[in-house]
C-alpha atoms as a PDB file:
ATOM      1  CA  UNK A   1       2.445  -5.346  27.789  1.00  0.00           C
ATOM      2  CA  UNK A   2       3.821  -7.011  24.690  1.00  0.00           C
ATOM      3  CA  UNK A   3       7.105  -5.171  25.013  1.00  0.00           C
ATOM      4  CA  UNK A   4       7.400  -6.577  28.676  1.00  0.00           C
ATOM      5  CA  UNK A   5       6.658 -10.067  27.463  1.00  0.00           C
ATOM      6  CA  UNK A   6       9.178 -10.139  24.608  1.00  0.00           C
ATOM      7  CA  UNK A   7      12.010  -8.590  27.073  1.00  0.00           C
ATOM      8  CA  UNK A   8      11.173 -11.367  29.478  1.00  0.00           C
ATOM      9  CA  UNK A   9      11.547 -13.831  26.923  1.00  0.00           C
ATOM     10  CA  UNK A  10      14.783 -12.487  25.582  1.00  0.00           C
ATOM     11  CA  UNK A  11      16.068 -12.371  29.200  1.00  0.00           C
ATOM     12  CA  UNK A  12      15.199 -16.050  29.684  1.00  0.00           C
ATOM     13  CA  UNK A  13      17.125 -16.993  26.650  1.00  0.00           C
ATOM     14  CA  UNK A  14      20.053 -14.861  27.611  1.00  0.00           C
ATOM     15  CA  UNK A  15      20.166 -16.337  30.923  1.00  0.00           C
ATOM     16  CA  UNK A  16      19.778 -19.910  29.791  1.00  0.00           C
ATOM     17  CA  UNK A  17      22.512 -19.207  27.041  1.00  0.00           C
ATOM     18  CA  UNK A  18      24.788 -17.536  29.812  1.00  0.00           C
ATOM     19  CA  UNK A  19      24.643 -20.660  31.701  1.00  0.00           C
ATOM     20  CA  UNK A  20      25.737 -22.838  28.839  1.00  0.00           C
ATOM     21  CA  UNK A  21      28.236 -20.377  27.631  1.00  0.00           C
ATOM     22  CA  UNK A  22      30.105 -21.126  30.902  1.00  0.00           C
ATOM     23  CA  UNK A  23      30.976 -24.464  29.697  1.00  0.00           C
ATOM     24  CA  UNK A  24      34.642 -25.069  29.592  1.00  0.00           C
ATOM     25  CA  UNK A  25      36.181 -27.913  27.603  1.00  0.00           C
ATOM     26  CA  UNK A  26      39.689 -29.061  28.039  1.00  0.00           C
ATOM     27  CA  UNK A  27      40.701 -30.526  24.574  1.00  0.00           C
ATOM     28  CA  UNK A  28      43.994 -32.123  23.851  1.00  0.00           C
ATOM     29  CA  UNK A  29      45.346 -32.685  20.068  1.00  0.00           C
ATOM     30  CA  UNK A  30      46.946 -35.974  19.202  1.00  0.00           C
ATOM     31  CA  UNK A  31      50.421 -34.403  18.874  1.00  0.00           C
ATOM     32  CA  UNK A  32      52.343 -31.324  18.245  1.00  0.00           C
ATOM     33  CA  UNK A  33      50.648 -28.763  16.020  1.00  0.00           C
ATOM     34  CA  UNK A  34      50.064 -30.261  12.754  1.00  0.00           C
ATOM     35  CA  UNK A  35      47.864 -29.432   9.731  1.00  0.00           C
ATOM     36  CA  UNK A  36      45.830 -32.499  10.444  1.00  0.00           C
ATOM     37  CA  UNK A  37      44.452 -30.629  13.471  1.00  0.00           C
ATOM     38  CA  UNK A  38      43.222 -27.780  11.293  1.00  0.00           C
ATOM     39  CA  UNK A  39      39.405 -28.423  11.828  1.00  0.00           C
ATOM     40  CA  UNK A  40      39.737 -28.220  15.627  1.00  0.00           C
ATOM     41  CA  UNK A  41      42.009 -25.188  15.195  1.00  0.00           C
ATOM     42  CA  UNK A  42      39.680 -23.244  12.667  1.00  0.00           C
ATOM     43  CA  UNK A  43      36.812 -23.695  14.854  1.00  0.00           C
ATOM     44  CA  UNK A  44      38.771 -22.143  17.691  1.00  0.00           C
ATOM     45  CA  UNK A  45      40.217 -19.315  15.425  1.00  0.00           C
ATOM     46  CA  UNK A  46      36.963 -18.216  14.033  1.00  0.00           C
ATOM     47  CA  UNK A  47      34.810 -18.538  17.252  1.00  0.00           C
ATOM     48  CA  UNK A  48      32.775 -21.533  16.386  1.00  0.00           C
ATOM     49  CA  UNK A  49      33.064 -22.937  19.592  1.00  0.00           C
ATOM     50  CA  UNK A  50      32.192 -19.580  21.487  1.00  0.00           C
ATOM     51  CA  UNK A  51      29.118 -19.552  19.209  1.00  0.00           C
ATOM     52  CA  UNK A  52      28.129 -22.943  20.527  1.00  0.00           C
ATOM     53  CA  UNK A  53      28.600 -21.343  24.133  1.00  0.00           C
ATOM     54  CA  UNK A  54      31.738 -23.267  24.682  1.00  0.00           C
ATOM     55  CA  UNK A  55      34.910 -22.038  26.150  1.00  0.00           C
ATOM     56  CA  UNK A  56      37.305 -24.490  24.642  1.00  0.00           C
ATOM     57  CA  UNK A  57      41.089 -24.526  25.620  1.00  0.00           C
ATOM     58  CA  UNK A  58      43.197 -26.682  23.003  1.00  0.00           C
ATOM     59  CA  UNK A  59      46.759 -28.080  24.117  1.00  0.00           C
ATOM     60  CA  UNK A  60      49.320 -30.047  22.233  1.00  0.00           C
ATOM     61  CA  UNK A  61      49.327 -33.853  22.515  1.00  0.00           C
ATOM     62  CA  UNK A  62      51.637 -36.690  23.239  1.00  0.00           C
ATOM     63  CA  UNK A  63      50.475 -39.142  20.710  1.00  0.00           C
ATOM     64  CA  UNK A  64      47.134 -40.060  19.353  1.00  0.00           C
ATOM     65  CA  UNK A  65      46.994 -42.976  21.843  1.00  0.00           C
ATOM     66  CA  UNK A  66      47.891 -40.922  24.733  1.00  0.00           C
ATOM     67  CA  UNK A  67      44.683 -38.900  23.907  1.00  0.00           C
ATOM     68  CA  UNK A  68      42.789 -41.457  25.563  1.00  0.00           C
ATOM     69  CA  UNK A  69      44.737 -42.004  28.517  1.00  0.00           C
ATOM     70  CA  UNK A  70      44.719 -38.020  29.030  1.00  0.00           C
ATOM     71  CA  UNK A  71      40.976 -38.258  28.990  1.00  0.00           C
ATOM     72  CA  UNK A  72      40.708 -41.181  31.153  1.00  0.00           C
ATOM     73  CA  UNK A  73      42.753 -39.448  33.820  1.00  0.00           C
ATOM     74  CA  UNK A  74      40.258 -36.589  33.974  1.00  0.00           C
ATOM     75  CA  UNK A  75      42.917 -33.946  32.867  1.00  0.00           C
ATOM     76  CA  UNK A  76      40.923 -33.530  29.661  1.00  0.00           C
ATOM     77  CA  UNK A  77      37.328 -33.550  28.496  1.00  0.00           C
ATOM     78  CA  UNK A  78      37.693 -34.289  24.966  1.00  0.00           C
ATOM     79  CA  UNK A  79      40.613 -34.701  22.425  1.00  0.00           C
ATOM     80  CA  UNK A  80      41.485 -35.795  18.884  1.00  0.00           C
ATOM     81  CA  UNK A  81      43.057 -39.363  19.025  1.00  0.00           C
ATOM     82  CA  UNK A  82      42.916 -42.955  17.578  1.00  0.00           C
ATOM     83  CA  UNK A  83      39.834 -45.091  17.961  1.00  0.00           C
ATOM     84  CA  UNK A  84      41.930 -48.173  18.284  1.00  0.00           C
ATOM     85  CA  UNK A  85      43.275 -46.909  21.421  1.00  0.00           C
ATOM     86  CA  UNK A  86      39.759 -46.517  22.721  1.00  0.00           C
ATOM     87  CA  UNK A  87      39.120 -50.162  21.899  1.00  0.00           C
ATOM     88  CA  UNK A  88      42.069 -51.214  23.882  1.00  0.00           C
ATOM     89  CA  UNK A  89      41.174 -49.412  26.914  1.00  0.00           C
ATOM     90  CA  UNK A  90      37.510 -50.370  26.605  1.00  0.00           C
ATOM     91  CA  UNK A  91      38.320 -53.829  26.893  1.00  0.00           C
ATOM     92  CA  UNK A  92      39.946 -53.356  30.321  1.00  0.00           C
ATOM     93  CA  UNK A  93      38.091 -50.219  31.752  1.00  0.00           C
ATOM     94  CA  UNK A  94      34.880 -50.054  29.849  1.00  0.00           C
ATOM     95  CA  UNK A  95      33.411 -47.462  32.487  1.00  0.00           C
ATOM     96  CA  UNK A  96      36.269 -45.038  32.121  1.00  0.00           C
ATOM     97  CA  UNK A  97      37.208 -45.331  28.344  1.00  0.00           C
ATOM     98  CA  UNK A  98      36.233 -42.285  26.200  1.00  0.00           C
ATOM     99  CA  UNK A  99      33.672 -42.498  23.205  1.00  0.00           C
ATOM    100  CA  UNK A 100      34.266 -41.528  19.664  1.00  0.00           C
ATOM    101  CA  UNK A 101      31.611 -38.955  18.658  1.00  0.00           C
ATOM    102  CA  UNK A 102      33.027 -37.714  15.347  1.00  0.00           C
ATOM    103  CA  UNK A 103      35.128 -40.014  13.198  1.00  0.00           C
ATOM    104  CA  UNK A 104      37.655 -38.122  10.961  1.00  0.00           C
ATOM    105  CA  UNK A 105      40.253 -40.576   9.398  1.00  0.00           C
ATOM    106  CA  UNK A 106      38.080 -43.189   7.485  1.00  0.00           C
ATOM    107  CA  UNK A 107      41.466 -44.911   6.414  1.00  0.00           C
ATOM    108  CA  UNK A 108      44.135 -46.237   8.816  1.00  0.00           C
ATOM    109  CA  UNK A 109      47.520 -44.424   8.553  1.00  0.00           C
ATOM    110  CA  UNK A 110      49.366 -47.706   9.564  1.00  0.00           C
ATOM    111  CA  UNK A 111      52.092 -48.239   6.826  1.00  0.00           C
ATOM    112  CA  UNK A 112      55.351 -50.002   6.264  1.00  0.00           C
ATOM    113  CA  UNK A 113      57.576 -47.471   4.309  1.00  0.00           C
ATOM    114  CA  UNK A 114      60.608 -48.815   2.306  1.00  0.00           C
ATOM    115  CA  UNK A 115      63.045 -47.575  -0.316  1.00  0.00           C
ATOM    116  CA  UNK A 116      62.029 -48.690  -3.789  1.00  0.00           C
ATOM    117  CA  UNK A 117      65.132 -50.654  -4.291  1.00  0.00           C
ATOM    118  CA  UNK A 118      64.233 -53.190  -1.512  1.00  0.00           C
ATOM    119  CA  UNK A 119      61.296 -54.161  -3.652  1.00  0.00           C
ATOM    120  CA  UNK A 120      58.737 -54.258  -0.887  1.00  0.00           C
ATOM    121  CA  UNK A 121      55.312 -53.820  -2.656  1.00  0.00           C
ATOM    122  CA  UNK A 122      53.138 -56.406  -1.063  1.00  0.00           C
ATOM    123  CA  UNK A 123      53.071 -58.272   2.227  1.00  0.00           C
ATOM    124  CA  UNK A 124      54.867 -61.232   0.697  1.00  0.00           C
ATOM    125  CA  UNK A 125      57.678 -58.983  -0.124  1.00  0.00           C
ATOM    126  CA  UNK A 126      58.275 -58.669   3.702  1.00  0.00           C
ATOM    127  CA  UNK A 127      59.824 -62.186   4.090  1.00  0.00           C
ATOM    128  CA  UNK A 128      63.484 -62.141   4.782  1.00  0.00           C
ATOM    129  CA  UNK A 129      63.471 -58.406   5.376  1.00  0.00           C
ATOM    130  CA  UNK A 130      64.487 -56.373   8.294  1.00  0.00           C
ATOM    131  CA  UNK A 131      62.058 -53.752   9.725  1.00  0.00           C
ATOM    132  CA  UNK A 132      62.242 -51.002  12.272  1.00  0.00           C
ATOM    133  CA  UNK A 133      59.422 -50.429  14.694  1.00  0.00           C
ATOM    134  CA  UNK A 134      58.586 -48.417  17.854  1.00  0.00           C
ATOM    135  CA  UNK A 135      57.426 -50.866  20.452  1.00  0.00           C
ATOM    136  CA  UNK A 136      53.648 -50.568  21.350  1.00  0.00           C
ATOM    137  CA  UNK A 137      52.779 -48.608  18.271  1.00  0.00           C
ATOM    138  CA  UNK A 138      49.642 -49.813  16.360  1.00  0.00           C
ATOM    139  CA  UNK A 139      51.645 -50.371  13.119  1.00  0.00           C
ATOM    140  CA  UNK A 140      54.214 -52.446  14.947  1.00  0.00           C
ATOM    141  CA  UNK A 141      51.554 -54.270  17.303  1.00  0.00           C
ATOM    142  CA  UNK A 142      49.531 -55.154  14.103  1.00  0.00           C
ATOM    143  CA  UNK A 143      52.198 -56.721  12.000  1.00  0.00           C
ATOM    144  CA  UNK A 144      51.527 -60.202  13.131  1.00  0.00           C
ATOM    145  CA  UNK A 145      47.890 -59.805  12.143  1.00  0.00           C
ATOM    146  CA  UNK A 146      48.943 -58.434   8.685  1.00  0.00           C
ATOM    147  CA  UNK A 147      51.117 -61.359   8.113  1.00  0.00           C
ATOM    148  CA  UNK A 148      48.431 -63.953   9.065  1.00  0.00           C
ATOM    149  CA  UNK A 149      45.734 -62.285   6.916  1.00  0.00           C
ATOM    150  CA  UNK A 150      48.097 -62.287   3.888  1.00  0.00           C
ATOM    151  CA  UNK A 151      49.764 -65.794   4.642  1.00  0.00           C
ATOM    152  CA  UNK A 152      53.214 -64.339   5.380  1.00  0.00           C
ATOM    153  CA  UNK A 153      55.555 -66.290   7.420  1.00  0.00           C
ATOM    154  CA  UNK A 154      56.264 -63.764  10.243  1.00  0.00           C
ATOM    155  CA  UNK A 155      59.296 -65.883  11.489  1.00  0.00           C
ATOM    156  CA  UNK A 156      61.241 -64.727   8.365  1.00  0.00           C
ATOM    157  CA  UNK A 157      60.720 -61.086   9.204  1.00  0.00           C
ATOM    158  CA  UNK A 158      63.247 -59.413  11.700  1.00  0.00           C
ATOM    159  CA  UNK A 159      61.750 -56.369  13.471  1.00  0.00           C
ATOM    160  CA  UNK A 160      64.443 -54.096  15.385  1.00  0.00           C
ATOM    161  CA  UNK A 161      63.024 -52.097  18.133  1.00  0.00           C
ATOM    162  CA  UNK A 162      63.835 -48.243  17.808  1.00  0.00           C
ATOM    163  CA  UNK A 163      62.565 -44.748  19.038  1.00  0.00           C
ATOM    164  CA  UNK A 164      60.182 -43.274  16.496  1.00  0.00           C
ATOM    165  CA  UNK A 165      62.723 -40.425  15.481  1.00  0.00           C
ATOM    166  CA  UNK A 166      65.383 -42.913  14.421  1.00  0.00           C
ATOM    167  CA  UNK A 167      63.073 -44.912  11.826  1.00  0.00           C
ATOM    168  CA  UNK A 168      63.609 -42.550   8.713  1.00  0.00           C
ATOM    169  CA  UNK A 169      67.218 -41.811   9.464  1.00  0.00           C
ATOM    170  CA  UNK A 170      67.997 -45.516   9.619  1.00  0.00           C
ATOM    171  CA  UNK A 171      65.736 -46.364   6.679  1.00  0.00           C
ATOM    172  CA  UNK A 172      67.536 -43.514   4.600  1.00  0.00           C
ATOM    173  CA  UNK A 173      70.869 -45.088   5.555  1.00  0.00           C
ATOM    174  CA  UNK A 174      69.789 -48.423   4.487  1.00  0.00           C
ATOM    175  CA  UNK A 175      70.278 -49.782   8.073  1.00  0.00           C
ATOM    176  CA  UNK A 176      66.595 -51.410   7.835  1.00  0.00           C
ATOM    177  CA  UNK A 177      64.596 -52.359   4.827  1.00  0.00           C
ATOM    178  CA  UNK A 178      61.090 -50.862   5.811  1.00  0.00           C
ATOM    179  CA  UNK A 179      59.786 -48.826   8.739  1.00  0.00           C
ATOM    180  CA  UNK A 180      56.640 -49.639  10.653  1.00  0.00           C
ATOM    181  CA  UNK A 181      55.093 -45.979  10.677  1.00  0.00           C
ATOM    182  CA  UNK A 182      52.115 -43.716  10.402  1.00  0.00           C
ATOM    183  CA  UNK A 183      52.068 -42.375   7.073  1.00  0.00           C
ATOM    184  CA  UNK A 184      50.969 -38.888   7.732  1.00  0.00           C
ATOM    185  CA  UNK A 185      53.841 -38.656   9.832  1.00  0.00           C
ATOM    186  CA  UNK A 186      56.652 -40.624   8.279  1.00  0.00           C
ATOM    187  CA  UNK A 187      55.938 -38.896   4.773  1.00  0.00           C
ATOM    188  CA  UNK A 188      56.635 -35.349   6.223  1.00  0.00           C
ATOM    189  CA  UNK A 189      59.674 -36.684   8.143  1.00  0.00           C
ATOM    190  CA  UNK A 190      61.144 -37.968   4.847  1.00  0.00           C
ATOM    191  CA  UNK A 191      60.221 -34.593   3.201  1.00  0.00           C
ATOM    192  CA  UNK A 192      62.020 -32.713   5.957  1.00  0.00           C
ATOM    193  CA  UNK A 193      65.233 -35.094   5.658  1.00  0.00           C
ATOM    194  CA  UNK A 194      65.481 -33.794   1.893  1.00  0.00           C
ATOM    195  CA  UNK A 195      63.845 -37.226   0.628  1.00  0.00           C
ATOM    196  CA  UNK A 196      61.282 -37.452  -2.091  1.00  0.00           C
ATOM    197  CA  UNK A 197      58.603 -39.703  -0.601  1.00  0.00           C
ATOM    198  CA  UNK A 198      56.779 -40.285  -4.074  1.00  0.00           C
ATOM    199  CA  UNK A 199      59.541 -41.100  -6.338  1.00  0.00           C
ATOM    200  CA  UNK A 200      61.980 -42.924  -3.859  1.00  0.00           C
ATOM    201  CA  UNK A 201      59.811 -44.770  -1.395  1.00  0.00           C
ATOM    202  CA  UNK A 202      57.038 -47.456  -1.386  1.00  0.00           C
ATOM    203  CA  UNK A 203      54.062 -47.485   0.899  1.00  0.00           C
ATOM    204  CA  UNK A 204      52.361 -50.631   2.059  1.00  0.00           C
ATOM    205  CA  UNK A 205      49.245 -49.563   3.576  1.00  0.00           C
ATOM    206  CA  UNK A 206      47.573 -52.039   6.133  1.00  0.00           C
ATOM    207  CA  UNK A 207      44.093 -50.891   5.013  1.00  0.00           C
ATOM    208  CA  UNK A 208      44.746 -52.046   1.548  1.00  0.00           C
ATOM    209  CA  UNK A 209      45.569 -55.821   2.820  1.00  0.00           C
ATOM    210  CA  UNK A 210      42.878 -56.839   4.872  1.00  0.00           C
ATOM    211  CA  UNK A 211      43.367 -54.634   8.166  1.00  0.00           C
ATOM    212  CA  UNK A 212      40.633 -52.159   7.312  1.00  0.00           C
ATOM    213  CA  UNK A 213      40.645 -50.039  10.554  1.00  0.00           C
ATOM    214  CA  UNK A 214      39.393 -46.645  11.359  1.00  0.00           C
ATOM    215  CA  UNK A 215      41.763 -44.185  13.128  1.00  0.00           C
ATOM    216  CA  UNK A 216      41.562 -40.492  14.252  1.00  0.00           C
ATOM    217  CA  UNK A 217      38.618 -38.505  15.281  1.00  0.00           C
ATOM    218  CA  UNK A 218      36.932 -36.698  18.184  1.00  0.00           C
ATOM    219  CA  UNK A 219      36.462 -38.304  21.342  1.00  0.00           C
ATOM    220  CA  UNK A 220      34.855 -37.358  24.613  1.00  0.00           C
ATOM    221  CA  UNK A 221      34.627 -38.443  28.109  1.00  0.00           C
ATOM    222  CA  UNK A 222      31.798 -40.615  29.347  1.00  0.00           C
ATOM    223  CA  UNK A 223      31.392 -38.142  32.064  1.00  0.00           C
ATOM    224  CA  UNK A 224      31.013 -35.183  29.523  1.00  0.00           C
ATOM    225  CA  UNK A 225      28.244 -37.393  27.600  1.00  0.00           C
ATOM    226  CA  UNK A 226      26.429 -37.931  30.828  1.00  0.00           C
ATOM    227  CA  UNK A 227      26.609 -34.533  32.345  1.00  0.00           C
ATOM    228  CA  UNK A 228      26.446 -32.161  29.392  1.00  0.00           C
ATOM    229  CA  UNK A 229      25.257 -33.923  26.121  1.00  0.00           C
ATOM    230  CA  UNK A 230      24.344 -30.375  24.846  1.00  0.00           C
ATOM    231  CA  UNK A 231      27.998 -29.399  25.139  1.00  0.00           C
ATOM    232  CA  UNK A 232      29.119 -32.501  23.188  1.00  0.00           C
ATOM    233  CA  UNK A 233      26.761 -31.623  20.457  1.00  0.00           C
ATOM    234  CA  UNK A 234      28.083 -28.067  20.185  1.00  0.00           C
ATOM    235  CA  UNK A 235      31.581 -29.416  20.355  1.00  0.00           C
ATOM    236  CA  UNK A 236      31.016 -31.780  17.244  1.00  0.00           C
ATOM    237  CA  UNK A 237      28.811 -29.269  15.407  1.00  0.00           C
ATOM    238  CA  UNK A 238      31.573 -26.632  15.427  1.00  0.00           C
ATOM    239  CA  UNK A 239      34.511 -29.053  14.397  1.00  0.00           C
ATOM    240  CA  UNK A 240      32.325 -30.467  11.534  1.00  0.00           C
ATOM    241  CA  UNK A 241      31.528 -26.899  10.438  1.00  0.00           C
ATOM    242  CA  UNK A 242      35.320 -26.279  10.167  1.00  0.00           C
ATOM    243  CA  UNK A 243      36.070 -29.709   8.638  1.00  0.00           C
ATOM    244  CA  UNK A 244      33.682 -28.994   5.840  1.00  0.00           C
ATOM    245  CA  UNK A 245      34.869 -25.379   5.371  1.00  0.00           C
ATOM    246  CA  UNK A 246      38.464 -26.658   5.032  1.00  0.00           C
ATOM    247  CA  UNK A 247      37.438 -29.328   2.383  1.00  0.00           C
ATOM    248  CA  UNK A 248      36.406 -26.162   0.195  1.00  0.00           C
ATOM    249  CA  UNK A 249      39.424 -23.875   1.196  1.00  0.00           C
ATOM    250  CA  UNK A 250      42.523 -25.516   2.790  1.00  0.00           C
ATOM    251  CA  UNK A 251      44.106 -22.020   3.154  1.00  0.00           C
ATOM    252  CA  UNK A 252      41.762 -21.172   5.872  1.00  0.00           C
ATOM    253  CA  UNK A 253      42.964 -24.154   7.562  1.00  0.00           C
ATOM    254  CA  UNK A 254      46.621 -23.182   7.208  1.00  0.00           C
ATOM    255  CA  UNK A 255      45.570 -19.707   8.638  1.00  0.00           C
ATOM    256  CA  UNK A 256      44.258 -21.415  11.602  1.00  0.00           C
ATOM    257  CA  UNK A 257      47.246 -23.647  12.240  1.00  0.00           C
ATOM    258  CA  UNK A 258      49.416 -20.574  12.272  1.00  0.00           C
ATOM    259  CA  UNK A 259      47.300 -18.554  14.454  1.00  0.00           C
ATOM    260  CA  UNK A 260      47.533 -21.232  16.828  1.00  0.00           C
ATOM    261  CA  UNK A 261      51.174 -21.933  16.680  1.00  0.00           C
ATOM    262  CA  UNK A 262      53.196 -19.265  14.790  1.00  0.00           C
ATOM    263  CA  UNK A 263      56.248 -21.631  15.019  1.00  0.00           C
ATOM    264  CA  UNK A 264      54.690 -24.073  12.688  1.00  0.00           C
ATOM    265  CA  UNK A 265      56.183 -24.434   9.335  1.00  0.00           C
ATOM    266  CA  UNK A 266      53.092 -23.315   7.096  1.00  0.00           C
ATOM    267  CA  UNK A 267      54.196 -24.848   3.737  1.00  0.00           C
ATOM    268  CA  UNK A 268      54.856 -28.402   5.549  1.00  0.00           C
ATOM    269  CA  UNK A 269      51.564 -28.220   7.441  1.00  0.00           C
ATOM    270  CA  UNK A 270      49.691 -27.060   4.414  1.00  0.00           C
ATOM    271  CA  UNK A 271      50.922 -30.031   2.619  1.00  0.00           C
ATOM    272  CA  UNK A 272      50.114 -32.335   5.674  1.00  0.00           C
ATOM    273  CA  UNK A 273      46.615 -30.927   5.808  1.00  0.00           C
ATOM    274  CA  UNK A 274      45.993 -32.038   2.212  1.00  0.00           C
ATOM    275  CA  UNK A 275      47.588 -35.269   2.720  1.00  0.00           C
ATOM    276  CA  UNK A 276      45.128 -35.939   5.561  1.00  0.00           C
ATOM    277  CA  UNK A 277      42.284 -34.987   3.416  1.00  0.00           C
ATOM    278  CA  UNK A 278      43.245 -37.021   0.267  1.00  0.00           C
ATOM    279  CA  UNK A 279      44.744 -40.052   2.034  1.00  0.00           C
ATOM    280  CA  UNK A 280      42.733 -40.591   5.465  1.00  0.00           C
ATOM    281  CA  UNK A 281      39.486 -38.512   4.990  1.00  0.00           C
ATOM    282  CA  UNK A 282      38.129 -38.414   1.614  1.00  0.00           C
ATOM    283  CA  UNK A 283      36.816 -41.996   0.835  1.00  0.00           C
ATOM    284  CA  UNK A 284      33.597 -43.736  -0.766  1.00  0.00           C
ATOM    285  CA  UNK A 285      32.496 -44.226   2.723  1.00  0.00           C
ATOM    286  CA  UNK A 286      32.702 -40.640   3.780  1.00  0.00           C
ATOM    287  CA  UNK A 287      30.600 -39.828   0.454  1.00  0.00           C
ATOM    288  CA  UNK A 288      27.965 -42.133   1.501  1.00  0.00           C
ATOM    289  CA  UNK A 289      27.730 -41.565   5.302  1.00  0.00           C
ATOM    290  CA  UNK A 290      29.036 -37.854   5.441  1.00  0.00           C
ATOM    291  CA  UNK A 291      31.775 -36.466   7.691  1.00  0.00           C
ATOM    292  CA  UNK A 292      31.835 -38.131  11.338  1.00  0.00           C
ATOM    293  CA  UNK A 293      29.945 -41.216  10.859  1.00  0.00           C
ATOM    294  CA  UNK A 294      31.156 -44.670  10.362  1.00  0.00           C
ATOM    295  CA  UNK A 295      29.962 -48.300   9.334  1.00  0.00           C
ATOM    296  CA  UNK A 296      28.977 -50.378  12.241  1.00  0.00           C
ATOM    297  CA  UNK A 297      29.661 -53.640  10.799  1.00  0.00           C
ATOM    298  CA  UNK A 298      33.156 -52.262   9.527  1.00  0.00           C
ATOM    299  CA  UNK A 299      33.681 -51.107  13.184  1.00  0.00           C
ATOM    300  CA  UNK A 300      32.855 -54.491  14.496  1.00  0.00           C
ATOM    301  CA  UNK A 301      35.319 -56.121  12.275  1.00  0.00           C
ATOM    302  CA  UNK A 302      37.924 -53.671  13.201  1.00  0.00           C
ATOM    303  CA  UNK A 303      37.427 -54.322  16.923  1.00  0.00           C
ATOM    304  CA  UNK A 304      37.970 -57.906  16.318  1.00  0.00           C
ATOM    305  CA  UNK A 305      41.191 -57.229  14.455  1.00  0.00           C
ATOM    306  CA  UNK A 306      42.562 -54.886  17.489  1.00  0.00           C
ATOM    307  CA  UNK A 307      41.430 -57.558  19.914  1.00  0.00           C
ATOM    308  CA  UNK A 308      43.774 -59.991  17.947  1.00  0.00           C
ATOM    309  CA  UNK A 309      46.433 -57.762  17.517  1.00  0.00           C
ATOM    310  CA  UNK A 310      46.943 -56.692  21.269  1.00  0.00           C
ATOM    311  CA  UNK A 311      45.884 -59.981  22.658  1.00  0.00           C
ATOM    312  CA  UNK A 312      42.863 -58.382  24.432  1.00  0.00           C
ATOM    313  CA  UNK A 313      40.956 -60.231  27.046  1.00  0.00           C
ATOM    314  CA  UNK A 314      37.454 -59.032  26.194  1.00  0.00           C
ATOM    315  CA  UNK A 315      35.923 -57.647  23.230  1.00  0.00           C
ATOM    316  CA  UNK A 316      34.096 -54.452  23.389  1.00  0.00           C
ATOM    317  CA  UNK A 317      30.683 -53.822  21.572  1.00  0.00           C
ATOM    318  CA  UNK A 318      30.645 -51.060  18.803  1.00  0.00           C
ATOM    319  CA  UNK A 319      28.218 -49.109  20.892  1.00  0.00           C
ATOM    320  CA  UNK A 320      30.836 -48.794  23.479  1.00  0.00           C
ATOM    321  CA  UNK A 321      33.499 -47.302  20.985  1.00  0.00           C
ATOM    322  CA  UNK A 322      31.429 -44.826  18.913  1.00  0.00           C
ATOM    323  CA  UNK A 323      28.208 -42.944  19.294  1.00  0.00           C
ATOM    324  CA  UNK A 324      26.682 -41.057  16.446  1.00  0.00           C
ATOM    325  CA  UNK A 325      24.067 -39.496  18.882  1.00  0.00           C
ATOM    326  CA  UNK A 326      25.763 -36.024  18.592  1.00  0.00           C
ATOM    327  CA  UNK A 327      26.190 -35.926  14.716  1.00  0.00           C
ATOM    328  CA  UNK A 328      24.624 -32.848  12.950  1.00  0.00           C
ATOM    329  CA  UNK A 329      22.076 -33.835  10.279  1.00  0.00           C
ATOM    330  CA  UNK A 330      23.648 -35.483   7.280  1.00  0.00           C
ATOM    331  CA  UNK A 331      23.093 -32.539   5.134  1.00  0.00           C
ATOM    332  CA  UNK A 332      25.424 -30.576   7.181  1.00  0.00           C
ATOM    333  CA  UNK A 333      28.173 -33.147   6.989  1.00  0.00           C
ATOM    334  CA  UNK A 334      28.646 -33.231   3.328  1.00  0.00           C
ATOM    335  CA  UNK A 335      32.265 -32.928   2.452  1.00  0.00           C
ATOM    336  CA  UNK A 336      33.212 -31.431  -0.794  1.00  0.00           C
ATOM    337  CA  UNK A 337      37.034 -31.458  -1.316  1.00  0.00           C
ATOM    338  CA  UNK A 338      38.684 -29.016  -3.769  1.00  0.00           C
ATOM    339  CA  UNK A 339      42.391 -28.725  -3.924  1.00  0.00           C
ATOM    340  CA  UNK A 340      42.879 -26.030  -6.484  1.00  0.00           C
END
C-alpha cells in the first residue's frame, strides 16, 4: 500500500511538472549578441531555464528600447532592455507596458565621450562645443536635463543629428567634439577602431552629474505576470543564478556567449562582460539590496527625470515600472565579483 501511495504521489508531481514544463517563453535580447547578455545566455546554455520547467527561446534584439515595444506587440513575452523605455510607454499605455522584474544595471550607461584634447571633463565644459547624437536615444534626449541640473547654457551647445554607427568615426576624425552614447557600446566601438578608450578619451557619465537613472534589466509582459506568475519566478530565478555565477567566474559567461553565437568575438565580448559588471552592475546599492532589486525612492526620482526629458504627459507610479514580487530570497542574490 505504501509503495502504491508513493507512486501515485510521484505521478502527481510528474504530471504537474510536465504541465509547467510546457511553458514557452519568447525572450528578446537588447541588441546583437554581446557579453553583457551573458546571464541570459548562460541560463540557456546550462539548462537553468529547463530546470525551472521553461522552454525559453532567445532572439537577438534591435535596441534596448525596442525590447519594450517588442513585448508590447505580443511578439515576445520577456526581454532584456531599458527601464527608461518602460517609463515612456507606461506614461502613454499603462495597461500594455511591460514590467521590470529583475534590475541588472544599477548605473546608467548614458555618457558623452570626447577626445581628451577637447577638454570636456564636466558638464560646464560642454558650452561652445559640437556634439553628435542619434535622435531619440536616451543620451540625446536627456542632454537638456543634464544641462539644467548643472546650470549649463544649452543654447551654446550644438548637437548634430547622426546615425549611431557614425558617432565614433566622426569623433575620431575630429568632426565633433563629443558623442552622446551608451558607454558600454561606444567603448568597444572605439576599441574596434584601434583607439585607446582609457588613455585618449574622457567619459562624462550622466549618473555622476544628477541623472541617477537605472537602466537595463529583465522585463516581462503584464499578460505573463497575470497568467503565469510561477513562470516569471522561474525565469528570474534562472537568470539570477547565472548572473551570480558569472560574478565568480566570467569565463563561463564567455563560453555561453560563444555557444549561443559562434561568430561573436570572444575577446571583445569577455571585455564587454567585465565592463558591464564593473561599470554598470557592481555598486553600493547592489551590495545592499542584492542583484535584481532597486531603491523605490531613487526609481521615483528617475521617473521624474525621464518625464521631464521626454516631455511625458503623465507620471507613472514606481509600482507600474518595477515589481520585486518575483525575486529570489536575498541570500540567493548576493553578488561577489572576482576578476582574476
